[in-house]
Amino acid sequence: MDEILSVTPIARDAAHNEDENEACLHAQTLVYAFNITMAIKAAIQLRLLDMLSKADGRALTAEELVAQAQEGTDNKAEVAVLVDRILRHHIAAAVAGGGRQTPFERAHGAPIFDYMGVSPRLSTLFDQAMAQQSMLVVNKLLEHCSRVFDGVGVLIDLGGGTGATIAMITERYKHIRVINFDLPHVISEAPPFQGVEHVAGSWFDSLPTGDAFFLKDDEDCIKILKNCRRALTDNGKVIVVQSVLPATPEATPAARDSYTMDMIMLVNFKGGKERTEHEYTELARAAGFAGALRSTYIFCNIYALEFTK
């Protein structure tokens, strides 16, 4: 008699989630495929391949490569002429210039958020894209990682855009008072959501007091985190939703996704980068968070990282 096999609902859900996770990572690989040619072009412009070949098999750090790309007056002039002649993404020029300006700022004449403040079309497009991604991730967070919001009475979403993300949270946790905090030009376009209070301001100034801050971005982190810590209640925490770099380089789909996002951060945000879990811990400590760091995998290489006071 043939054996009849059955799959329990839990096993079936786990398999479905894994399939969804792999499909999402593959989709992001296709969407961000331009990063490969963009990075290779910058590597050629900066002569990184030549430097590595001359190292005779010795590993070179990123700092050593940057120093060689910038050393010598003649070399600096050569790099400047080269990037001016064949410039496309401004990455090489930004590296050769010591990172004083991001590639985005070199291309558009202003930092990304300043530029969006005077470009309503781009600002709206950016906010809509971030809202769609956030809704996907937060939906998975609420499905599988609801303990992240245990004990939270007041939740503030920093850089919450339209407020759609935090509205999803208050639908599940009706006892939580939620605040959507973003720049004035963003809040001015935010639609009303039941139970969501929209507040305009700057991350670098004073923040509303709350039990938890929800962060999905990575700009000037220590200053922002210090502001968060000052505004937190005694048992409060910051919830950072981000991808995490592997501690050592890997060739897995998840690792490639992290490296891709690392390049996007480099292009758009001054000092922006993805981090390993150890680097996140150091970041939290530097901002004054003394509690344990808790890391929870959500979906598609995105984690919820909890920093406690």
Protein backbone atom coordinates (compact mmCIF):
# COMPACT_ATOMS: atom_id res chain seq x y z
CA MET A 1 0.00 0.00 0.00
CA ASP A 2 1.35 3.41 -0.95
CA GLU A 3 2.22 5.68 1.94
CA ILE A 4 0.06 8.77 2.19
CA LEU A 5 2.05 11.90 2.98
CA SER A 6 0.52 14.97 4.58
CA VAL A 7 1.87 18.45 5.21
CA THR A 8 0.87 20.25 8.38
CA PRO A 9 -0.42 23.83 8.05
CA ILE A 10 2.67 25.14 9.88
CA ALA A 11 5.05 23.35 7.49
CA ARG A 12 3.02 24.49 4.50
CA ASP A 13 3.10 28.12 5.68
CA ALA A 14 6.85 27.93 6.28
CA ALA A 15 7.45 26.56 2.77
CA HIS A 16 5.21 29.25 1.28
CA ASN A 17 7.04 32.00 3.18
CA GLU A 18 10.40 30.65 2.00
CA ASP A 19 9.20 30.64 -1.61
CA GLU A 20 7.95 34.21 -1.23
CA ASN A 21 11.24 35.24 0.32
CA GLU A 22 13.29 33.76 -2.54
CA ALA A 23 10.97 35.29 -5.16
CA CYS A 24 11.31 38.73 -3.55
CA LEU A 25 15.11 38.53 -3.44
CA HIS A 26 15.17 37.47 -7.11
CA ALA A 27 12.86 40.35 -8.06
CA GLN A 28 15.09 42.83 -6.24
CA THR A 29 18.12 41.41 -8.05
CA LEU A 30 16.43 42.20 -11.36
CA VAL A 31 15.24 45.65 -10.28
CA TYR A 32 18.69 46.69 -9.05
CA ALA A 33 20.70 44.98 -11.79
CA PHE A 34 21.97 48.39 -12.94
CA ASN A 35 24.12 48.48 -9.79
CA ILE A 36 26.50 45.92 -11.29
CA THR A 37 27.41 47.97 -14.36
CA MET A 38 27.40 51.16 -12.27
CA ALA A 39 29.91 49.69 -9.81
CA ILE A 40 32.11 48.17 -12.54
CA LYS A 41 32.23 51.49 -14.39
CA ALA A 42 33.34 53.31 -11.24
CA ALA A 43 35.94 50.61 -10.51
CA ILE A 44 37.43 51.05 -13.99
CA GLN A 45 37.45 54.84 -13.71
CA LEU A 46 39.24 54.64 -10.36
CA ARG A 47 41.73 52.00 -11.65
CA LEU A 48 40.75 49.62 -8.83
CA LEU A 49 41.33 46.56 -11.02
CA ASP A 50 44.86 47.78 -11.83
CA MET A 51 45.59 48.36 -8.15
CA LEU A 52 44.41 44.87 -7.21
CA SER A 53 46.43 43.23 -9.98
CA LYS A 54 49.58 45.06 -8.84
CA ALA A 55 49.08 43.88 -5.26
CA ASP A 56 50.35 40.39 -6.26
CA GLY A 57 47.58 38.57 -4.45
CA ARG A 58 47.73 40.66 -1.28
CA ALA A 59 44.33 41.75 -0.02
CA LEU A 60 43.74 45.52 -0.04
CA THR A 61 41.27 47.27 2.24
CA ALA A 62 38.78 49.83 0.94
CA GLU A 63 40.79 52.54 2.71
CA GLU A 64 44.00 51.51 0.92
CA LEU A 65 42.25 51.53 -2.45
CA VAL A 66 40.78 54.99 -1.85
CA ALA A 67 44.17 56.32 -0.75
CA GLN A 68 45.80 55.04 -3.93
CA ALA A 69 43.01 56.51 -6.06
CA GLN A 70 43.63 59.93 -4.51
CA GLU A 71 47.40 59.97 -4.02
CA GLY A 72 49.58 62.48 -5.85
CA THR A 73 48.61 65.79 -7.42
CA ASP A 74 49.02 64.48 -10.97
CA ASN A 75 46.84 61.47 -10.20
CA LYS A 76 44.09 63.67 -8.76
CA ALA A 77 44.13 65.78 -11.91
CA GLU A 78 44.08 62.66 -14.06
CA VAL A 79 41.10 61.25 -12.18
CA ALA A 80 39.22 64.56 -12.38
CA VAL A 81 39.76 64.81 -16.16
CA LEU A 82 38.78 61.18 -16.63
CA VAL A 83 35.53 61.40 -14.70
CA ASP A 84 34.59 64.70 -16.36
CA ARG A 85 35.10 63.13 -19.80
CA ILE A 86 33.16 59.91 -19.32
CA LEU A 87 30.97 60.69 -16.30
CA ARG A 88 27.64 58.83 -16.04
CA HIS A 89 26.83 58.09 -12.40
CA HIS A 90 29.33 60.39 -10.54
CA ILE A 91 30.46 57.55 -8.27
CA ALA A 92 34.10 57.73 -9.27
CA ALA A 93 34.13 61.51 -8.89
CA ALA A 94 32.57 61.25 -5.43
CA VAL A 95 35.19 58.72 -4.29
CA ALA A 96 38.05 60.70 -5.84
CA GLY A 97 36.71 63.80 -4.10
CA GLY A 98 36.95 62.17 -0.69
CA GLY A 99 33.20 61.76 -0.23
CA ARG A 100 32.56 65.45 0.39
CA GLN A 101 29.58 65.21 -1.95
CA THR A 102 27.43 62.20 -2.77
CA PRO A 103 27.00 61.18 -6.42
CA PHE A 104 23.39 62.39 -6.18
CA GLU A 105 24.50 65.80 -4.94
CA ARG A 106 27.10 66.06 -7.70
CA ALA A 107 24.46 65.24 -10.31
CA HIS A 108 21.67 67.47 -8.99
CA GLY A 109 23.43 70.21 -7.01
CA ALA A 110 21.78 69.46 -3.66
CA PRO A 111 21.47 66.64 -1.09
CA ILE A 112 18.68 64.23 -1.91
CA PHE A 113 16.12 65.38 0.67
CA ASP A 114 16.79 69.08 -0.04
CA TYR A 115 16.30 68.35 -3.73
CA MET A 116 13.03 66.55 -3.06
CA GLY A 117 11.82 69.55 -1.08
CA VAL A 118 11.78 71.61 -4.27
CA SER A 119 10.83 68.77 -6.61
CA PRO A 120 7.26 67.67 -5.74
CA ARG A 121 7.13 65.10 -8.53
CA LEU A 122 10.24 63.26 -7.37
CA SER A 123 9.24 63.61 -3.71
CA THR A 124 5.82 62.07 -4.39
CA LEU A 125 7.33 59.24 -6.44
CA PHE A 126 9.90 58.51 -3.73
CA ASP A 127 7.31 58.54 -0.93
CA GLN A 128 4.98 56.25 -2.87
CA ALA A 129 7.80 53.78 -3.58
CA MET A 130 8.92 53.75 0.05
CA ALA A 131 5.32 53.32 1.21
CA GLN A 132 4.80 50.30 -1.03
CA GLN A 133 8.02 48.63 0.14
CA SER A 134 7.28 49.46 3.77
CA MET A 135 3.76 48.06 3.53
CA LEU A 136 5.13 44.76 2.20
CA VAL A 137 7.75 44.48 4.95
CA VAL A 138 5.49 45.65 7.80
CA ASN A 139 2.77 43.23 6.72
CA LYS A 140 5.30 40.40 7.14
CA LEU A 141 6.48 41.93 10.41
CA LEU A 142 2.93 41.90 11.77
CA GLU A 143 2.34 38.36 10.54
CA HIS A 144 5.40 36.73 12.08
CA CYS A 145 7.23 39.09 14.44
CA SER A 146 4.47 40.82 16.43
CA ARG A 147 6.48 40.57 19.67
CA VAL A 148 8.54 43.50 18.41
CA PHE A 149 5.69 45.78 19.55
CA ASP A 150 5.18 44.17 22.95
CA GLY A 151 4.90 46.76 25.71
CA VAL A 152 4.70 49.72 23.31
CA GLY A 153 2.15 52.41 24.19
CA VAL A 154 3.31 55.25 21.92
CA LEU A 155 5.00 54.45 18.59
CA ILE A 156 6.63 57.12 16.42
CA ASP A 157 7.55 56.37 12.80
CA LEU A 158 10.54 58.55 11.86
CA GLY A 159 10.48 59.30 8.14
CA GLY A 160 7.04 57.69 7.89
CA GLY A 161 6.19 59.37 4.60
CA THR A 162 2.46 59.13 3.89
CA GLY A 163 1.78 57.35 7.20
CA ALA A 164 0.54 54.19 5.47
CA THR A 165 3.07 51.99 7.27
CA ILE A 166 2.20 53.06 10.78
CA ALA A 167 -1.50 52.93 9.91
CA MET A 168 -1.09 49.19 9.33
CA ILE A 169 0.41 48.83 12.80
CA THR A 170 -2.40 50.70 14.56
CA GLU A 171 -4.98 48.53 12.78
CA ARG A 172 -3.45 45.51 14.53
CA TYR A 173 -2.57 47.21 17.82
CA LYS A 174 -5.42 49.60 18.49
CA HIS A 175 -4.15 50.40 21.99
CA ILE A 176 -0.92 51.94 20.57
CA ARG A 177 -0.94 55.68 19.99
CA VAL A 178 0.92 56.26 16.72
CA ILE A 179 2.66 59.34 15.32
CA ASN A 180 3.91 59.74 11.75
CA PHE A 181 6.91 62.10 11.89
CA ASP A 182 8.49 63.48 8.71
CA LEU A 183 9.67 66.64 6.98
CA PRO A 184 7.10 69.44 6.49
CA HIS A 185 6.85 69.04 2.71
CA VAL A 186 6.16 65.32 3.18
CA ILE A 187 3.56 65.74 5.94
CA SER A 188 1.77 68.39 3.86
CA GLU A 189 0.97 65.68 1.30
CA ALA A 190 0.11 62.91 3.79
CA PRO A 191 -3.53 61.74 3.69
CA PRO A 192 -5.50 61.23 6.91
CA PHE A 193 -5.49 57.76 8.48
CA GLN A 194 -7.67 56.59 11.33
CA GLY A 195 -5.69 56.75 14.56
CA VAL A 196 -2.57 58.32 12.99
CA GLU A 197 -1.27 61.71 14.12
CA HIS A 198 0.89 63.46 11.50
CA VAL A 199 3.68 65.64 12.95
CA ALA A 200 6.10 67.73 10.86
CA GLY A 201 9.67 68.35 11.93
CA SER A 202 13.32 67.38 11.53
CA TRP A 203 15.00 64.23 12.82
CA PHE A 204 17.93 66.40 13.90
CA ASP A 205 15.83 68.59 16.19
CA SER A 206 13.59 67.66 19.11
CA LEU A 207 11.33 64.63 18.71
CA PRO A 208 7.97 63.68 20.24
CA THR A 209 8.19 61.57 23.40
CA GLY A 210 7.30 57.90 22.95
CA ASP A 211 7.91 54.30 23.97
CA ALA A 212 9.33 53.24 20.61
CA PHE A 213 10.76 54.86 17.50
CA PHE A 214 10.40 53.09 14.15
CA LEU A 215 13.31 53.81 11.78
CA LYS A 216 13.60 52.63 8.16
CA ASP A 217 16.42 54.89 6.94
CA ASP A 218 20.14 55.30 7.59
CA GLU A 219 21.33 58.92 7.46
CA ASP A 220 23.43 60.64 10.17
CA CYS A 221 22.54 57.73 12.41
CA ILE A 222 24.26 58.56 15.69
CA LYS A 223 22.80 62.06 15.91
CA ILE A 224 19.31 60.76 15.11
CA LEU A 225 19.63 57.87 17.56
CA LYS A 226 20.79 60.22 20.33
CA ASN A 227 17.70 62.37 19.71
CA CYS A 228 15.57 59.24 19.84
CA ARG A 229 17.13 58.12 23.10
CA ARG A 230 16.49 61.50 24.73
CA ALA A 231 12.83 61.37 23.68
CA LEU A 232 12.25 57.75 24.76
CA THR A 233 10.52 56.76 27.97
CA ASP A 234 12.59 54.83 30.55
CA ASN A 235 11.78 51.41 29.10
CA GLY A 236 11.64 52.61 25.51
CA LYS A 237 13.38 51.29 22.42
CA VAL A 238 14.24 52.12 18.83
CA ILE A 239 13.14 49.66 16.15
CA VAL A 240 15.38 49.87 13.07
CA VAL A 241 14.08 48.10 9.97
CA GLN A 242 17.05 47.47 7.67
CA SER A 243 18.98 44.87 5.73
CA VAL A 244 22.07 43.47 7.46
CA LEU A 245 25.43 42.81 5.82
CA PRO A 246 27.04 39.43 6.52
CA ALA A 247 30.03 39.52 8.87
CA THR A 248 32.22 38.08 6.08
CA PRO A 249 31.62 38.36 2.31
CA GLU A 250 29.22 35.76 0.93
CA ALA A 251 27.80 34.94 -2.50
CA THR A 252 24.26 34.17 -1.30
CA PRO A 253 21.20 36.00 -2.73
CA ALA A 254 20.65 37.71 0.62
CA ALA A 255 24.26 38.92 0.81
CA ARG A 256 24.17 40.20 -2.79
CA ASP A 257 21.00 42.10 -1.94
CA SER A 258 22.75 43.74 1.03
CA TYR A 259 25.74 44.75 -1.10
CA THR A 260 23.37 46.21 -3.70
CA MET A 261 21.58 48.29 -1.07
CA ASP A 262 24.98 49.36 0.26
CA MET A 263 25.81 50.80 -3.17
CA ILE A 264 22.45 52.61 -3.35
CA MET A 265 23.09 54.18 0.05
CA LEU A 266 26.56 55.31 -1.12
CA VAL A 267 25.11 56.97 -4.20
CA ASN A 268 22.28 58.84 -2.47
CA PHE A 269 23.20 59.60 1.15
CA LYS A 270 26.32 61.20 2.61
CA GLY A 271 27.94 58.58 4.82
CA GLY A 272 25.10 56.20 4.04
CA LYS A 273 25.87 52.49 4.16
CA GLU A 274 24.51 49.13 5.22
CA ARG A 275 26.02 47.49 8.32
CA THR A 276 26.76 44.13 9.89
CA GLU A 277 24.95 43.18 13.09
CA HIS A 278 28.15 43.92 15.03
CA GLU A 279 28.35 47.39 13.46
CA TYR A 280 24.73 48.05 14.43
CA THR A 281 25.59 47.12 18.01
CA GLU A 282 28.53 49.56 17.97
CA LEU A 283 26.24 52.23 16.49
CA ALA A 284 23.72 51.72 19.29
CA ARG A 285 26.44 51.89 21.96
CA ALA A 286 27.88 55.08 20.45
CA ALA A 287 24.41 56.66 20.69
CA GLY A 288 24.10 55.70 24.36
CA PHE A 289 21.94 52.57 24.17
CA ALA A 290 23.16 50.23 26.91
CA GLY A 291 20.59 47.44 26.57
CA ALA A 292 20.85 44.27 24.52
CA LEU A 293 20.40 44.37 20.74
CA ARG A 294 17.66 42.03 19.54
CA SER A 295 17.57 41.05 15.86
CA THR A 296 14.50 39.50 14.20
CA TYR A 297 14.39 38.43 10.55
CA ILE A 298 11.29 39.74 8.78
CA PHE A 299 11.34 39.11 5.03
CA CYS A 300 13.43 39.60 1.90
CA ASN A 301 16.68 40.25 3.80
CA ILE A 302 15.07 42.85 6.08
CA TYR A 303 15.50 42.67 9.86
CA ALA A 304 13.91 44.39 12.85
CA LEU A 305 16.74 45.54 15.13
CA GLU A 306 15.70 46.67 18.61
CA PHE A 307 17.92 49.09 20.55
CA THR A 308 16.93 49.43 24.23
CA LYS A 309 17.95 52.12 26.71
